[in-house]
Amino acid sequence: AYSVNGFTCGKKENTVSCRGQFPGVKGTFGA
């Protein structure tokens, strides 16, 4: 799970989580 382009991602077993910002957009987004 790549942590690039303003997003930080982590993987534990089969679960992936990412959190970050899109360019020019206020706020943080995740999944």
PDB file of all heavy atoms in Angstrom:
ATOM      1  N   ALA A   1       0.890  -1.161   0.000  1.00  0.00           N
ATOM      2  CA  ALA A   1       0.000   0.000   0.000  1.00  0.00           C
ATOM      3  C   ALA A   1       0.928   1.211   0.000  1.00  0.00           C
ATOM      4  O   ALA A   1       1.633   1.453   0.972  1.00  0.00           O
ATOM      5  CB  ALA A   1      -0.903   0.002   1.225  1.00  0.00           C
ATOM      6  N   TYR A   2       0.966   1.930  -1.097  1.00  0.00           N
ATOM      7  CA  TYR A   2       1.926   3.013  -1.268  1.00  0.00           C
ATOM      8  C   TYR A   2       1.516   4.288  -0.538  1.00  0.00           C
ATOM      9  O   TYR A   2       0.369   4.700  -0.603  1.00  0.00           O
ATOM     10  CB  TYR A   2       2.126   3.314  -2.756  1.00  0.00           C
ATOM     11  CG  TYR A   2       2.867   2.220  -3.461  1.00  0.00           C
ATOM     12  CD1 TYR A   2       2.188   1.233  -4.169  1.00  0.00           C
ATOM     13  CD2 TYR A   2       4.253   2.143  -3.394  1.00  0.00           C
ATOM     14  CE1 TYR A   2       2.878   0.213  -4.804  1.00  0.00           C
ATOM     15  CE2 TYR A   2       4.948   1.120  -4.026  1.00  0.00           C
ATOM     16  CZ  TYR A   2       4.248   0.163  -4.726  1.00  0.00           C
ATOM     17  OH  TYR A   2       4.935  -0.846  -5.342  1.00  0.00           O
ATOM     18  N   SER A   3       2.476   4.893   0.136  1.00  0.00           N
ATOM     19  CA  SER A   3       2.296   6.182   0.811  1.00  0.00           C
ATOM     20  C   SER A   3       3.013   7.243  -0.019  1.00  0.00           C
ATOM     21  O   SER A   3       4.196   7.507   0.183  1.00  0.00           O
ATOM     22  CB  SER A   3       2.875   6.128   2.226  1.00  0.00           C
ATOM     23  OG  SER A   3       2.146   5.228   3.026  1.00  0.00           O
ATOM     24  N   VAL A   4       2.295   7.806  -0.972  1.00  0.00           N
ATOM     25  CA  VAL A   4       2.850   8.820  -1.880  1.00  0.00           C
ATOM     26  C   VAL A   4       1.745   9.797  -2.260  1.00  0.00           C
ATOM     27  O   VAL A   4       0.579   9.584  -1.928  1.00  0.00           O
ATOM     28  CB  VAL A   4       3.453   8.184  -3.161  1.00  0.00           C
ATOM     29  CG1 VAL A   4       4.679   7.354  -2.842  1.00  0.00           C
ATOM     30  CG2 VAL A   4       2.434   7.340  -3.897  1.00  0.00           C
ATOM     31  N   ASN A   5       2.107  10.845  -2.970  1.00  0.00           N
ATOM     32  CA  ASN A   5       1.152  11.805  -3.523  1.00  0.00           C
ATOM     33  C   ASN A   5       0.222  12.396  -2.470  1.00  0.00           C
ATOM     34  O   ASN A   5      -0.959  12.619  -2.710  1.00  0.00           O
ATOM     35  CB  ASN A   5       0.342  11.168  -4.660  1.00  0.00           C
ATOM     36  CG  ASN A   5       1.177  10.903  -5.885  1.00  0.00           C
ATOM     37  OD1 ASN A   5       1.996  11.734  -6.255  1.00  0.00           O
ATOM     38  ND2 ASN A   5       1.003   9.757  -6.501  1.00  0.00           N
ATOM     39  N   GLY A   6       0.750  12.647  -1.264  1.00  0.00           N
ATOM     40  CA  GLY A   6      -0.030  13.288  -0.210  1.00  0.00           C
ATOM     41  C   GLY A   6      -0.842  12.337   0.650  1.00  0.00           C
ATOM     42  O   GLY A   6      -1.583  12.772   1.525  1.00  0.00           O
ATOM     43  N   PHE A   7      -0.718  11.029   0.428  1.00  0.00           N
ATOM     44  CA  PHE A   7      -1.458  10.040   1.209  1.00  0.00           C
ATOM     45  C   PHE A   7      -0.501   9.129   1.967  1.00  0.00           C
ATOM     46  O   PHE A   7       0.549   8.759   1.469  1.00  0.00           O
ATOM     47  CB  PHE A   7      -2.370   9.203   0.307  1.00  0.00           C
ATOM     48  CG  PHE A   7      -3.612   9.935  -0.082  1.00  0.00           C
ATOM     49  CD1 PHE A   7      -3.592  10.845  -1.120  1.00  0.00           C
ATOM     50  CD2 PHE A   7      -4.789   9.758   0.620  1.00  0.00           C
ATOM     51  CE1 PHE A   7      -4.721  11.558  -1.466  1.00  0.00           C
ATOM     52  CE2 PHE A   7      -5.928  10.466   0.290  1.00  0.00           C
ATOM     53  CZ  PHE A   7      -5.898  11.374  -0.756  1.00  0.00           C
ATOM     54  N   THR A   8      -0.896   8.794   3.182  1.00  0.00           N
ATOM     55  CA  THR A   8      -0.152   7.855   4.008  1.00  0.00           C
ATOM     56  C   THR A   8      -1.015   6.616   4.166  1.00  0.00           C
ATOM     57  O   THR A   8      -2.166   6.698   4.596  1.00  0.00           O
ATOM     58  CB  THR A   8       0.154   8.458   5.394  1.00  0.00           C
ATOM     59  OG1 THR A   8       0.901   9.661   5.196  1.00  0.00           O
ATOM     60  CG2 THR A   8       0.944   7.503   6.247  1.00  0.00           C
ATOM     61  N   CYS A   9      -0.449   5.476   3.803  1.00  0.00           N
ATOM     62  CA  CYS A   9      -1.202   4.222   3.853  1.00  0.00           C
ATOM     63  C   CYS A   9      -0.471   3.203   4.719  1.00  0.00           C
ATOM     64  O   CYS A   9       0.752   3.216   4.817  1.00  0.00           O
ATOM     65  CB  CYS A   9      -1.371   3.644   2.455  1.00  0.00           C
ATOM     66  SG  CYS A   9      -2.293   4.710   1.333  1.00  0.00           S
ATOM     67  N   GLY A  10      -1.231   2.330   5.331  1.00  0.00           N
ATOM     68  CA  GLY A  10      -0.672   1.248   6.119  1.00  0.00           C
ATOM     69  C   GLY A  10      -1.432  -0.030   5.823  1.00  0.00           C
ATOM     70  O   GLY A  10      -2.588  -0.005   5.401  1.00  0.00           O
ATOM     71  N   LYS A  11      -0.760  -1.137   6.045  1.00  0.00           N
ATOM     72  CA  LYS A  11      -1.388  -2.430   5.787  1.00  0.00           C
ATOM     73  C   LYS A  11      -1.086  -3.349   6.960  1.00  0.00           C
ATOM     74  O   LYS A  11       0.055  -3.472   7.405  1.00  0.00           O
ATOM     75  CB  LYS A  11      -0.848  -3.029   4.489  1.00  0.00           C
ATOM     76  CG  LYS A  11      -1.516  -4.323   4.106  1.00  0.00           C
ATOM     77  CD  LYS A  11      -1.065  -4.790   2.742  1.00  0.00           C
ATOM     78  CE  LYS A  11      -1.790  -6.073   2.396  1.00  0.00           C
ATOM     79  NZ  LYS A  11      -1.385  -6.607   1.120  1.00  0.00           N
ATOM     80  N   LYS A  12      -2.120  -3.997   7.468  1.00  0.00           N
ATOM     81  CA  LYS A  12      -1.973  -4.997   8.515  1.00  0.00           C
ATOM     82  C   LYS A  12      -2.786  -6.200   8.080  1.00  0.00           C
ATOM     83  O   LYS A  12      -4.011  -6.107   7.941  1.00  0.00           O
ATOM     84  CB  LYS A  12      -2.463  -4.467   9.852  1.00  0.00           C
ATOM     85  CG  LYS A  12      -2.216  -5.420  10.991  1.00  0.00           C
ATOM     86  CD  LYS A  12      -2.553  -4.798  12.317  1.00  0.00           C
ATOM     87  CE  LYS A  12      -2.213  -5.782  13.413  1.00  0.00           C
ATOM     88  NZ  LYS A  12      -2.505  -5.231  14.733  1.00  0.00           N
ATOM     89  N   GLU A  13      -2.109  -7.298   7.824  1.00  0.00           N
ATOM     90  CA  GLU A  13      -2.720  -8.488   7.240  1.00  0.00           C
ATOM     91  C   GLU A  13      -3.405  -8.091   5.939  1.00  0.00           C
ATOM     92  O   GLU A  13      -2.747  -7.587   5.050  1.00  0.00           O
ATOM     93  CB  GLU A  13      -3.654  -9.161   8.240  1.00  0.00           C
ATOM     94  CG  GLU A  13      -2.911  -9.691   9.455  1.00  0.00           C
ATOM     95  CD  GLU A  13      -3.820 -10.344  10.472  1.00  0.00           C
ATOM     96  OE1 GLU A  13      -4.993 -10.628  10.158  1.00  0.00           O
ATOM     97  OE2 GLU A  13      -3.335 -10.576  11.584  1.00  0.00           O
ATOM     98  N   ASN A  14      -4.705  -8.259   5.813  1.00  0.00           N
ATOM     99  CA  ASN A  14      -5.407  -7.918   4.571  1.00  0.00           C
ATOM    100  C   ASN A  14      -6.061  -6.543   4.602  1.00  0.00           C
ATOM    101  O   ASN A  14      -6.681  -6.132   3.628  1.00  0.00           O
ATOM    102  CB  ASN A  14      -6.489  -8.962   4.273  1.00  0.00           C
ATOM    103  CG  ASN A  14      -5.904 -10.315   3.977  1.00  0.00           C
ATOM    104  OD1 ASN A  14      -4.763 -10.418   3.553  1.00  0.00           O
ATOM    105  ND2 ASN A  14      -6.669 -11.358   4.207  1.00  0.00           N
ATOM    106  N   THR A  15      -5.939  -5.829   5.719  1.00  0.00           N
ATOM    107  CA  THR A  15      -6.601  -4.541   5.867  1.00  0.00           C
ATOM    108  C   THR A  15      -5.661  -3.403   5.491  1.00  0.00           C
ATOM    109  O   THR A  15      -4.543  -3.326   5.978  1.00  0.00           O
ATOM    110  CB  THR A  15      -7.096  -4.343   7.313  1.00  0.00           C
ATOM    111  OG1 THR A  15      -7.969  -5.428   7.631  1.00  0.00           O
ATOM    112  CG2 THR A  15      -7.840  -3.030   7.462  1.00  0.00           C
ATOM    113  N   VAL A  16      -6.137  -2.523   4.622  1.00  0.00           N
ATOM    114  CA  VAL A  16      -5.383  -1.353   4.182  1.00  0.00           C
ATOM    115  C   VAL A  16      -6.141  -0.103   4.603  1.00  0.00           C
ATOM    116  O   VAL A  16      -7.360  -0.039   4.481  1.00  0.00           O
ATOM    117  CB  VAL A  16      -5.204  -1.347   2.644  1.00  0.00           C
ATOM    118  CG1 VAL A  16      -4.560  -0.055   2.163  1.00  0.00           C
ATOM    119  CG2 VAL A  16      -4.401  -2.542   2.199  1.00  0.00           C
ATOM    120  N   SER A  17      -5.403   0.874   5.119  1.00  0.00           N
ATOM    121  CA  SER A  17      -6.015   2.168   5.428  1.00  0.00           C
ATOM    122  C   SER A  17      -5.141   3.270   4.851  1.00  0.00           C
ATOM    123  O   SER A  17      -3.917   3.177   4.865  1.00  0.00           O
ATOM    124  CB  SER A  17      -6.187   2.354   6.938  1.00  0.00           C
ATOM    125  OG  SER A  17      -4.926   2.361   7.565  1.00  0.00           O
ATOM    126  N   CYS A  18      -5.786   4.292   4.319  1.00  0.00           N
ATOM    127  CA  CYS A  18      -5.074   5.442   3.759  1.00  0.00           C
ATOM    128  C   CYS A  18      -5.750   6.717   4.235  1.00  0.00           C
ATOM    129  O   CYS A  18      -6.968   6.758   4.410  1.00  0.00           O
ATOM    130  CB  CYS A  18      -5.112   5.428   2.237  1.00  0.00           C
ATOM    131  SG  CYS A  18      -4.141   4.139   1.485  1.00  0.00           S
ATOM    132  N   ARG A  19      -4.924   7.751   4.399  1.00  0.00           N
ATOM    133  CA  ARG A  19      -5.421   9.046   4.833  1.00  0.00           C
ATOM    134  C   ARG A  19      -4.527  10.109   4.194  1.00  0.00           C
ATOM    135  O   ARG A  19      -3.320   9.961   4.141  1.00  0.00           O
ATOM    136  CB  ARG A  19      -5.346   9.128   6.348  1.00  0.00           C
ATOM    137  CG  ARG A  19      -5.988  10.331   6.945  1.00  0.00           C
ATOM    138  CD  ARG A  19      -6.041  10.150   8.480  1.00  0.00           C
ATOM    139  NE  ARG A  19      -6.592  11.297   9.120  1.00  0.00           N
ATOM    140  CZ  ARG A  19      -7.886  11.518   9.297  1.00  0.00           C
ATOM    141  NH1 ARG A  19      -8.752  10.636   8.873  1.00  0.00           N
ATOM    142  NH2 ARG A  19      -8.311  12.601   9.885  1.00  0.00           N
ATOM    143  N   GLY A  20      -5.147  11.188   3.695  1.00  0.00           N
ATOM    144  CA  GLY A  20      -4.344  12.242   3.098  1.00  0.00           C
ATOM    145  C   GLY A  20      -5.193  13.354   2.526  1.00  0.00           C
ATOM    146  O   GLY A  20      -6.397  13.422   2.754  1.00  0.00           O
ATOM    147  N   GLN A  21      -4.524  14.230   1.784  1.00  0.00           N
ATOM    148  CA  GLN A  21      -5.186  15.399   1.198  1.00  0.00           C
ATOM    149  C   GLN A  21      -5.052  15.376  -0.317  1.00  0.00           C
ATOM    150  O   GLN A  21      -4.013  14.988  -0.850  1.00  0.00           O
ATOM    151  CB  GLN A  21      -4.560  16.683   1.703  1.00  0.00           C
ATOM    152  CG  GLN A  21      -4.972  17.043   3.110  1.00  0.00           C
ATOM    153  CD  GLN A  21      -4.485  18.430   3.454  1.00  0.00           C
ATOM    154  OE1 GLN A  21      -3.295  18.645   3.613  1.00  0.00           O
ATOM    155  NE2 GLN A  21      -5.410  19.356   3.549  1.00  0.00           N
ATOM    156  N   PHE A  22      -6.123  15.815  -0.960  1.00  0.00           N
ATOM    157  CA  PHE A  22      -6.071  16.013  -2.405  1.00  0.00           C
ATOM    158  C   PHE A  22      -5.552  17.428  -2.666  1.00  0.00           C
ATOM    159  O   PHE A  22      -5.809  18.348  -1.883  1.00  0.00           O
ATOM    160  CB  PHE A  22      -7.466  15.841  -3.014  1.00  0.00           C
ATOM    161  CG  PHE A  22      -7.963  14.427  -2.973  1.00  0.00           C
ATOM    162  CD1 PHE A  22      -9.036  14.078  -2.175  1.00  0.00           C
ATOM    163  CD2 PHE A  22      -7.356  13.444  -3.731  1.00  0.00           C
ATOM    164  CE1 PHE A  22      -9.508  12.772  -2.135  1.00  0.00           C
ATOM    165  CE2 PHE A  22      -7.817  12.131  -3.702  1.00  0.00           C
ATOM    166  CZ  PHE A  22      -8.896  11.795  -2.901  1.00  0.00           C
ATOM    167  N   PRO A  23      -4.833  17.644  -3.758  1.00  0.00           N
ATOM    168  CA  PRO A  23      -4.254  18.961  -4.036  1.00  0.00           C
ATOM    169  C   PRO A  23      -5.331  20.037  -4.198  1.00  0.00           C
ATOM    170  O   PRO A  23      -6.296  19.850  -4.938  1.00  0.00           O
ATOM    171  CB  PRO A  23      -3.475  18.755  -5.340  1.00  0.00           C
ATOM    172  CG  PRO A  23      -4.035  17.519  -5.940  1.00  0.00           C
ATOM    173  CD  PRO A  23      -4.555  16.681  -4.813  1.00  0.00           C
ATOM    174  N   GLY A  24      -5.153  21.129  -3.469  1.00  0.00           N
ATOM    175  CA  GLY A  24      -6.075  22.259  -3.566  1.00  0.00           C
ATOM    176  C   GLY A  24      -7.405  22.060  -2.877  1.00  0.00           C
ATOM    177  O   GLY A  24      -8.305  22.873  -3.036  1.00  0.00           O
ATOM    178  N   VAL A  25      -7.558  20.990  -2.108  1.00  0.00           N
ATOM    179  CA  VAL A  25      -8.814  20.695  -1.417  1.00  0.00           C
ATOM    180  C   VAL A  25      -8.566  20.721   0.089  1.00  0.00           C
ATOM    181  O   VAL A  25      -7.639  20.081   0.576  1.00  0.00           O
ATOM    182  CB  VAL A  25      -9.362  19.306  -1.832  1.00  0.00           C
ATOM    183  CG1 VAL A  25     -10.632  18.980  -1.064  1.00  0.00           C
ATOM    184  CG2 VAL A  25      -9.605  19.252  -3.327  1.00  0.00           C
ATOM    185  N   LYS A  26      -9.396  21.473   0.808  1.00  0.00           N
ATOM    186  CA  LYS A  26      -9.266  21.533   2.263  1.00  0.00           C
ATOM    187  C   LYS A  26      -9.789  20.243   2.881  1.00  0.00           C
ATOM    188  O   LYS A  26     -10.744  19.647   2.398  1.00  0.00           O
ATOM    189  CB  LYS A  26     -10.047  22.713   2.824  1.00  0.00           C
ATOM    190  CG  LYS A  26      -9.455  24.048   2.453  1.00  0.00           C
ATOM    191  CD  LYS A  26     -10.246  25.170   3.085  1.00  0.00           C
ATOM    192  CE  LYS A  26      -9.653  26.507   2.672  1.00  0.00           C
ATOM    193  NZ  LYS A  26     -10.375  27.632   3.264  1.00  0.00           N
ATOM    194  N   GLY A  27      -9.166  19.840   3.961  1.00  0.00           N
ATOM    195  CA  GLY A  27      -9.632  18.664   4.686  1.00  0.00           C
ATOM    196  C   GLY A  27      -8.802  17.433   4.394  1.00  0.00           C
ATOM    197  O   GLY A  27      -8.000  17.392   3.469  1.00  0.00           O
ATOM    198  N   THR A  28      -9.008  16.440   5.223  1.00  0.00           N
ATOM    199  CA  THR A  28      -8.304  15.171   5.101  1.00  0.00           C
ATOM    200  C   THR A  28      -9.317  14.097   4.719  1.00  0.00           C
ATOM    201  O   THR A  28     -10.426  14.076   5.230  1.00  0.00           O
ATOM    202  CB  THR A  28      -7.630  14.806   6.437  1.00  0.00           C
ATOM    203  OG1 THR A  28      -6.747  15.870   6.802  1.00  0.00           O
ATOM    204  CG2 THR A  28      -6.834  13.534   6.337  1.00  0.00           C
ATOM    205  N   PHE A  29      -8.906  13.203   3.858  1.00  0.00           N
ATOM    206  CA  PHE A  29      -9.777  12.143   3.362  1.00  0.00           C
ATOM    207  C   PHE A  29      -9.135  10.797   3.655  1.00  0.00           C
ATOM    208  O   PHE A  29      -7.914  10.677   3.657  1.00  0.00           O
ATOM    209  CB  PHE A  29     -10.004  12.295   1.857  1.00  0.00           C
ATOM    210  CG  PHE A  29     -10.636  13.598   1.500  1.00  0.00           C
ATOM    211  CD1 PHE A  29      -9.863  14.743   1.330  1.00  0.00           C
ATOM    212  CD2 PHE A  29     -12.003  13.699   1.375  1.00  0.00           C
ATOM    213  CE1 PHE A  29     -10.446  15.959   1.027  1.00  0.00           C
ATOM    214  CE2 PHE A  29     -12.601  14.907   1.072  1.00  0.00           C
ATOM    215  CZ  PHE A  29     -11.817  16.036   0.901  1.00  0.00           C
ATOM    216  N   GLY A  30      -9.956   9.796   3.891  1.00  0.00           N
ATOM    217  CA  GLY A  30      -9.408   8.488   4.191  1.00  0.00           C
ATOM    218  C   GLY A  30     -10.360   7.374   3.817  1.00  0.00           C
ATOM    219  O   GLY A  30     -11.534   7.597   3.523  1.00  0.00           O
ATOM    220  N   ALA A  31      -9.810   6.162   3.837  1.00  0.00           N
ATOM    221  CA  ALA A  31     -10.602   4.973   3.555  1.00  0.00           C
ATOM    222  C   ALA A  31      -9.908   3.767   4.178  1.00  0.00           C
ATOM    223  O   ALA A  31      -8.693   3.757   4.358  1.00  0.00           O
ATOM    224  CB  ALA A  31     -10.763   4.767   2.056  1.00  0.00           C
TER     225      ALA A  31
END
